[in-house]
N, C-alpha and C. Protein backbone atom coordinates (compact mmCIF):
# COMPACT_ATOMS: atom_id res chain seq x y z
N MET A 1 -2.98 -2.74 -1.27
CA MET A 1 -2.51 -4.03 -1.72
C MET A 1 -3.32 -4.42 -2.92
N GLY A 2 -2.68 -4.80 -3.99
CA GLY A 2 -3.38 -5.30 -5.15
C GLY A 2 -3.14 -6.79 -5.24
N ALA A 3 -4.18 -7.54 -5.35
CA ALA A 3 -4.01 -8.99 -5.45
C ALA A 3 -4.47 -9.42 -6.83
N SER A 4 -3.59 -10.04 -7.56
CA SER A 4 -3.94 -10.56 -8.87
C SER A 4 -4.03 -12.06 -8.75
N ILE A 5 -5.18 -12.59 -9.03
CA ILE A 5 -5.39 -14.03 -8.94
C ILE A 5 -5.79 -14.51 -10.32
N ALA A 6 -4.96 -15.33 -10.90
CA ALA A 6 -5.23 -15.81 -12.25
C ALA A 6 -6.47 -16.68 -12.25
N SER A 7 -7.38 -16.36 -13.18
CA SER A 7 -8.55 -17.23 -13.32
C SER A 7 -8.19 -18.32 -14.30
N GLY A 8 -8.58 -19.51 -14.01
CA GLY A 8 -8.16 -20.63 -14.83
C GLY A 8 -6.77 -21.07 -14.41
N VAL A 9 -6.40 -22.21 -14.81
CA VAL A 9 -5.10 -22.76 -14.41
C VAL A 9 -4.23 -22.94 -15.64
N GLY A 10 -3.00 -22.49 -15.55
CA GLY A 10 -2.05 -22.70 -16.62
C GLY A 10 -2.22 -21.80 -17.82
N ASP A 11 -2.99 -20.72 -17.70
CA ASP A 11 -3.18 -19.80 -18.82
C ASP A 11 -2.10 -18.73 -18.76
N ILE A 12 -1.13 -18.82 -19.65
CA ILE A 12 0.02 -17.91 -19.66
C ILE A 12 -0.41 -16.45 -19.80
N HIS A 13 -1.55 -16.19 -20.43
CA HIS A 13 -1.99 -14.82 -20.64
C HIS A 13 -2.35 -14.13 -19.34
N ASP A 14 -2.88 -14.85 -18.38
CA ASP A 14 -3.19 -14.25 -17.08
C ASP A 14 -1.92 -13.77 -16.41
N THR A 15 -0.87 -14.57 -16.45
CA THR A 15 0.40 -14.19 -15.85
C THR A 15 0.99 -12.98 -16.56
N ALA A 16 0.88 -12.93 -17.87
CA ALA A 16 1.40 -11.79 -18.62
C ALA A 16 0.74 -10.50 -18.17
N GLN A 17 -0.58 -10.52 -17.98
CA GLN A 17 -1.27 -9.31 -17.55
C GLN A 17 -0.84 -8.90 -16.14
N ASP A 18 -0.65 -9.89 -15.26
CA ASP A 18 -0.17 -9.59 -13.91
C ASP A 18 1.19 -8.90 -13.95
N LEU A 19 2.06 -9.39 -14.83
CA LEU A 19 3.40 -8.81 -14.93
C LEU A 19 3.37 -7.43 -15.56
N ILE A 20 2.42 -7.19 -16.46
CA ILE A 20 2.24 -5.85 -17.03
C ILE A 20 1.83 -4.88 -15.92
N VAL A 21 0.88 -5.29 -15.08
CA VAL A 21 0.46 -4.45 -13.95
C VAL A 21 1.65 -4.19 -13.03
N ARG A 22 2.45 -5.22 -12.77
CA ARG A 22 3.62 -5.05 -11.89
C ARG A 22 4.59 -4.03 -12.48
N ALA A 23 4.85 -4.11 -13.78
CA ALA A 23 5.76 -3.15 -14.42
C ALA A 23 5.21 -1.73 -14.32
N ARG A 24 3.90 -1.59 -14.48
CA ARG A 24 3.29 -0.26 -14.37
C ARG A 24 3.36 0.27 -12.94
N LEU A 25 3.16 -0.59 -11.95
CA LEU A 25 3.30 -0.17 -10.56
C LEU A 25 4.73 0.29 -10.28
N GLN A 26 5.71 -0.45 -10.78
CA GLN A 26 7.11 -0.09 -10.59
C GLN A 26 7.40 1.27 -11.23
N LYS A 27 6.91 1.46 -12.45
CA LYS A 27 7.17 2.71 -13.16
C LYS A 27 6.50 3.89 -12.47
N ALA A 28 5.26 3.71 -12.03
CA ALA A 28 4.51 4.82 -11.43
C ALA A 28 4.93 5.10 -9.99
N ASN A 29 5.26 4.05 -9.24
CA ASN A 29 5.49 4.21 -7.80
C ASN A 29 6.90 3.88 -7.34
N GLY A 30 7.69 3.29 -8.22
CA GLY A 30 9.04 2.90 -7.83
C GLY A 30 9.08 1.67 -6.94
N ARG A 31 7.98 0.96 -6.83
CA ARG A 31 7.92 -0.24 -5.99
C ARG A 31 6.73 -1.10 -6.42
N THR A 32 6.77 -2.35 -6.01
CA THR A 32 5.70 -3.28 -6.38
C THR A 32 5.24 -4.12 -5.19
N ASP A 33 5.62 -3.72 -3.99
CA ASP A 33 5.31 -4.55 -2.83
C ASP A 33 3.84 -4.55 -2.45
N THR A 34 3.02 -3.78 -3.16
CA THR A 34 1.59 -3.81 -2.88
C THR A 34 0.85 -4.79 -3.79
N GLN A 35 1.57 -5.46 -4.67
CA GLN A 35 0.95 -6.43 -5.56
C GLN A 35 1.38 -7.83 -5.17
N VAL A 36 0.44 -8.73 -5.18
CA VAL A 36 0.71 -10.14 -4.92
C VAL A 36 0.17 -10.92 -6.11
N ILE A 37 1.01 -11.78 -6.66
CA ILE A 37 0.58 -12.61 -7.79
C ILE A 37 0.55 -14.06 -7.31
N PHE A 38 -0.58 -14.70 -7.45
CA PHE A 38 -0.71 -16.12 -7.14
C PHE A 38 -0.85 -16.87 -8.47
N SER A 39 -0.20 -17.98 -8.55
CA SER A 39 -0.40 -18.85 -9.71
C SER A 39 -0.41 -20.28 -9.22
N SER A 40 -0.91 -21.15 -10.05
CA SER A 40 -1.04 -22.54 -9.65
C SER A 40 -0.83 -23.42 -10.87
N SER A 41 -0.41 -24.62 -10.63
CA SER A 41 -0.23 -25.57 -11.73
C SER A 41 -1.47 -26.44 -11.87
N THR A 42 -1.58 -27.07 -13.01
CA THR A 42 -2.71 -27.98 -13.21
C THR A 42 -2.61 -29.15 -12.24
N GLU A 43 -1.37 -29.54 -11.89
CA GLU A 43 -1.19 -30.65 -10.95
C GLU A 43 -1.72 -30.29 -9.55
N SER A 44 -1.39 -29.08 -9.07
CA SER A 44 -1.87 -28.70 -7.74
C SER A 44 -3.38 -28.50 -7.75
N PHE A 45 -3.91 -27.98 -8.85
CA PHE A 45 -5.35 -27.83 -8.98
C PHE A 45 -6.03 -29.19 -8.94
N ALA A 46 -5.48 -30.14 -9.69
CA ALA A 46 -6.05 -31.49 -9.73
C ALA A 46 -5.95 -32.18 -8.37
N ALA A 47 -4.91 -31.83 -7.60
CA ALA A 47 -4.72 -32.44 -6.27
C ALA A 47 -5.61 -31.80 -5.22
N GLY A 48 -6.37 -30.77 -5.61
CA GLY A 48 -7.31 -30.16 -4.68
C GLY A 48 -6.81 -28.91 -3.97
N PHE A 49 -5.65 -28.37 -4.38
CA PHE A 49 -5.17 -27.14 -3.75
C PHE A 49 -6.09 -25.99 -4.14
N ASP A 50 -6.59 -25.28 -3.15
CA ASP A 50 -7.54 -24.19 -3.38
C ASP A 50 -6.81 -22.86 -3.17
N TYR A 51 -6.17 -22.36 -4.24
CA TYR A 51 -5.43 -21.11 -4.09
C TYR A 51 -6.36 -19.92 -3.92
N ALA A 52 -7.61 -20.03 -4.33
CA ALA A 52 -8.56 -18.94 -4.10
C ALA A 52 -8.81 -18.77 -2.61
N ALA A 53 -8.98 -19.88 -1.89
CA ALA A 53 -9.18 -19.80 -0.44
C ALA A 53 -7.93 -19.26 0.24
N THR A 54 -6.76 -19.66 -0.24
CA THR A 54 -5.51 -19.15 0.32
C THR A 54 -5.43 -17.64 0.11
N SER A 55 -5.84 -17.17 -1.05
CA SER A 55 -5.78 -15.74 -1.31
C SER A 55 -6.73 -14.97 -0.39
N ILE A 56 -7.88 -15.55 -0.07
CA ILE A 56 -8.81 -14.91 0.87
C ILE A 56 -8.15 -14.76 2.24
N ASP A 57 -7.41 -15.79 2.66
CA ASP A 57 -6.70 -15.71 3.94
C ASP A 57 -5.68 -14.56 3.93
N VAL A 58 -4.95 -14.43 2.84
CA VAL A 58 -3.95 -13.35 2.73
C VAL A 58 -4.64 -11.99 2.77
N ILE A 59 -5.73 -11.85 2.03
CA ILE A 59 -6.47 -10.58 1.99
C ILE A 59 -7.04 -10.26 3.37
N ASN A 60 -7.57 -11.25 4.07
CA ASN A 60 -8.09 -11.03 5.42
C ASN A 60 -7.01 -10.54 6.37
N ARG A 61 -5.81 -11.14 6.30
CA ARG A 61 -4.72 -10.67 7.17
C ARG A 61 -4.38 -9.22 6.85
N TRP A 62 -4.39 -8.85 5.56
CA TRP A 62 -4.09 -7.48 5.18
C TRP A 62 -5.19 -6.53 5.66
N LEU A 63 -6.45 -6.94 5.49
CA LEU A 63 -7.55 -6.07 5.90
C LEU A 63 -7.63 -5.91 7.41
N ASP A 64 -7.15 -6.90 8.15
CA ASP A 64 -7.15 -6.81 9.60
C ASP A 64 -6.02 -5.93 10.13
N ALA A 65 -5.12 -5.50 9.26
CA ALA A 65 -4.01 -4.63 9.69
C ALA A 65 -4.56 -3.27 10.07
N THR A 66 -3.83 -2.55 10.90
CA THR A 66 -4.26 -1.23 11.35
C THR A 66 -3.22 -0.19 11.01
N ASP A 67 -3.64 1.06 10.94
CA ASP A 67 -2.72 2.17 10.74
C ASP A 67 -1.76 2.21 11.93
N ALA A 68 -0.58 2.71 11.69
CA ALA A 68 0.39 2.78 12.77
C ALA A 68 1.49 3.75 12.41
N CYS A 69 2.23 4.15 13.43
CA CYS A 69 3.47 4.88 13.25
C CYS A 69 4.49 4.24 14.17
N TRP A 70 5.75 4.56 13.95
CA TRP A 70 6.81 3.99 14.78
C TRP A 70 7.60 5.12 15.40
N ASP A 71 7.94 4.97 16.68
CA ASP A 71 8.75 5.98 17.32
C ASP A 71 10.22 5.77 16.96
N LYS A 72 11.09 6.67 17.45
CA LYS A 72 12.50 6.60 17.05
C LYS A 72 13.19 5.34 17.53
N ALA A 73 12.62 4.64 18.49
CA ALA A 73 13.19 3.38 18.96
C ALA A 73 12.64 2.20 18.17
N GLY A 74 11.74 2.46 17.21
CA GLY A 74 11.18 1.38 16.42
C GLY A 74 9.96 0.73 17.03
N VAL A 75 9.40 1.33 18.07
CA VAL A 75 8.21 0.78 18.71
C VAL A 75 6.98 1.18 17.89
N ARG A 76 6.16 0.20 17.54
CA ARG A 76 4.96 0.45 16.74
C ARG A 76 3.86 1.01 17.64
N ILE A 77 3.23 2.11 17.18
CA ILE A 77 2.12 2.72 17.88
C ILE A 77 0.91 2.65 16.95
N ALA A 78 -0.08 1.86 17.30
CA ALA A 78 -1.28 1.71 16.47
C ALA A 78 -2.17 2.93 16.69
N GLU A 79 -2.40 3.68 15.61
CA GLU A 79 -3.30 4.82 15.68
C GLU A 79 -3.82 5.09 14.28
N THR A 80 -5.02 5.61 14.20
CA THR A 80 -5.65 5.89 12.92
C THR A 80 -4.97 7.06 12.25
N ALA A 81 -4.61 6.89 10.98
CA ALA A 81 -4.02 7.97 10.22
C ALA A 81 -5.05 9.07 10.03
N SER A 82 -4.61 10.31 10.08
CA SER A 82 -5.53 11.44 10.00
C SER A 82 -4.80 12.65 9.45
N ASP A 83 -5.56 13.55 8.81
CA ASP A 83 -4.96 14.81 8.38
C ASP A 83 -5.26 15.93 9.37
N SER A 84 -5.83 15.57 10.51
CA SER A 84 -6.07 16.56 11.57
C SER A 84 -5.08 16.29 12.70
N PRO A 85 -4.90 17.25 13.57
CA PRO A 85 -3.91 17.07 14.64
C PRO A 85 -4.18 15.80 15.46
N THR A 86 -3.12 15.15 15.78
CA THR A 86 -3.18 13.90 16.55
C THR A 86 -2.53 14.13 17.90
N ASP A 87 -3.09 13.55 18.92
CA ASP A 87 -2.47 13.64 20.25
C ASP A 87 -1.32 12.66 20.32
N TYR A 88 -0.17 13.16 20.76
CA TYR A 88 1.00 12.32 20.94
C TYR A 88 1.36 12.26 22.41
N ARG A 89 2.02 11.20 22.79
CA ARG A 89 2.39 11.00 24.18
C ARG A 89 3.68 11.74 24.49
N VAL A 90 3.56 13.04 24.70
CA VAL A 90 4.71 13.86 25.08
C VAL A 90 4.31 14.74 26.26
N THR A 91 5.30 15.18 26.98
CA THR A 91 5.06 16.08 28.09
C THR A 91 5.63 17.44 27.74
N PHE A 92 4.78 18.48 27.80
CA PHE A 92 5.22 19.84 27.51
C PHE A 92 5.41 20.61 28.80
N THR A 93 6.35 21.54 28.75
CA THR A 93 6.46 22.49 29.86
C THR A 93 5.30 23.45 29.73
N THR A 94 5.10 24.29 30.70
CA THR A 94 4.01 25.26 30.67
C THR A 94 4.13 26.21 29.49
N ALA A 95 5.35 26.60 29.11
CA ALA A 95 5.56 27.59 28.05
C ALA A 95 5.53 26.99 26.64
N GLU A 96 5.79 25.70 26.50
CA GLU A 96 5.95 25.10 25.17
C GLU A 96 4.70 25.14 24.29
N PRO A 97 3.48 24.88 24.78
CA PRO A 97 2.32 24.95 23.88
C PRO A 97 2.14 26.33 23.25
N ALA A 98 2.32 27.39 24.00
CA ALA A 98 2.19 28.74 23.44
C ALA A 98 3.27 29.00 22.40
N TRP A 99 4.49 28.55 22.68
CA TRP A 99 5.61 28.73 21.76
C TRP A 99 5.34 27.98 20.45
N LEU A 100 4.86 26.73 20.54
CA LEU A 100 4.56 25.96 19.34
C LEU A 100 3.44 26.59 18.53
N ASN A 101 2.40 27.08 19.20
CA ASN A 101 1.31 27.75 18.49
C ASN A 101 1.78 29.02 17.82
N GLN A 102 2.76 29.66 18.38
CA GLN A 102 3.30 30.89 17.78
C GLN A 102 4.11 30.59 16.52
N ILE A 103 4.97 29.57 16.58
CA ILE A 103 5.81 29.29 15.42
C ILE A 103 5.15 28.38 14.38
N LEU A 104 4.11 27.64 14.79
CA LEU A 104 3.40 26.75 13.88
C LEU A 104 1.89 26.96 14.01
N PRO A 105 1.38 28.15 13.67
CA PRO A 105 -0.04 28.44 13.89
C PRO A 105 -0.99 27.52 13.11
N SER A 106 -0.54 26.96 12.00
CA SER A 106 -1.40 26.07 11.21
C SER A 106 -1.01 24.61 11.37
N GLY A 107 -0.15 24.30 12.30
CA GLY A 107 0.32 22.92 12.46
C GLY A 107 1.59 22.70 11.67
N VAL A 108 2.03 21.45 11.60
CA VAL A 108 3.30 21.15 10.93
C VAL A 108 3.14 20.59 9.53
N CYS A 109 1.94 20.27 9.11
CA CYS A 109 1.74 19.67 7.80
C CYS A 109 1.05 20.65 6.87
N ASP A 110 1.60 20.81 5.68
CA ASP A 110 0.97 21.62 4.64
C ASP A 110 0.44 20.67 3.59
N TRP A 111 -0.84 20.32 3.70
CA TRP A 111 -1.44 19.31 2.83
C TRP A 111 -1.62 19.81 1.40
N THR A 112 -1.33 21.09 1.15
CA THR A 112 -1.42 21.59 -0.22
C THR A 112 -0.16 21.28 -1.01
N GLN A 113 0.90 20.83 -0.33
CA GLN A 113 2.17 20.53 -0.98
C GLN A 113 2.34 19.02 -1.13
N PRO A 114 3.03 18.59 -2.18
CA PRO A 114 3.28 17.15 -2.32
C PRO A 114 4.26 16.68 -1.26
N GLY A 115 4.25 15.39 -0.99
CA GLY A 115 5.18 14.81 -0.04
C GLY A 115 6.61 14.84 -0.56
N VAL A 116 7.55 14.62 0.32
CA VAL A 116 8.95 14.60 -0.07
C VAL A 116 9.15 13.50 -1.12
N ASN A 117 9.78 13.85 -2.22
CA ASN A 117 10.05 12.93 -3.34
C ASN A 117 8.79 12.41 -4.03
N GLN A 118 7.64 13.00 -3.75
CA GLN A 118 6.40 12.57 -4.40
C GLN A 118 6.34 13.18 -5.79
N VAL A 119 5.98 12.37 -6.76
CA VAL A 119 5.82 12.85 -8.13
C VAL A 119 4.42 12.49 -8.61
N ALA A 120 3.93 13.27 -9.52
CA ALA A 120 2.60 13.02 -10.06
C ALA A 120 2.62 11.76 -10.92
N VAL A 121 1.54 11.00 -10.86
CA VAL A 121 1.40 9.84 -11.72
C VAL A 121 1.22 10.36 -13.14
N LYS A 122 1.89 9.75 -14.08
CA LYS A 122 1.88 10.23 -15.46
C LYS A 122 0.65 9.82 -16.24
N GLY A 123 -0.28 9.20 -15.57
CA GLY A 123 -1.52 8.79 -16.22
C GLY A 123 -1.86 7.37 -15.85
N THR A 124 -3.01 6.95 -16.29
CA THR A 124 -3.41 5.57 -16.05
C THR A 124 -3.35 4.83 -17.37
N TYR A 125 -3.30 3.54 -17.30
CA TYR A 125 -3.28 2.74 -18.51
C TYR A 125 -4.73 2.52 -18.92
N LEU A 126 -5.06 3.02 -20.09
CA LEU A 126 -6.43 2.95 -20.55
C LEU A 126 -6.67 1.76 -21.46
N ARG A 127 -5.59 1.18 -21.97
CA ARG A 127 -5.74 0.00 -22.81
C ARG A 127 -4.50 -0.86 -22.65
N LEU A 128 -4.67 -2.13 -22.89
CA LEU A 128 -3.55 -3.05 -22.82
C LEU A 128 -2.73 -2.96 -24.10
N PRO A 129 -1.44 -3.22 -24.01
CA PRO A 129 -0.64 -3.16 -25.24
C PRO A 129 -1.07 -4.26 -26.20
N LEU A 130 -0.89 -3.98 -27.47
CA LEU A 130 -1.22 -4.97 -28.49
C LEU A 130 -0.18 -6.06 -28.49
N THR A 131 -0.62 -7.28 -28.65
CA THR A 131 0.31 -8.40 -28.73
C THR A 131 0.13 -9.09 -30.06
N ASN A 132 1.16 -9.76 -30.50
CA ASN A 132 1.09 -10.49 -31.77
C ASN A 132 0.59 -11.88 -31.53
């Protein structure tokens, strides 16, 4: 999750940079749901609204989240993501473990290959575009 919090109130340039980051996230990843942009007006600032404290609450909720997977019925199973074999709640017959080890001696994941539809990032942005 990327959180962009504009410093200062009412500075259009902060918003422009946030939107530039959003466009780059969209271009590189095809999505922007990991970015949150907060902005505030001078009126809400003057009225005592503390958007910085609100952003801390949002970040805390995100940091308190846990890894998970979902079964075919949509039930969430909280478990730590790992690149090593994970125990799953299944029942095997006596013959199935040997059969699985025979057909999948290295497991089911080939971490040397990219994920389905995964593309390499075309680079990072090293400088901001020039503006007039």
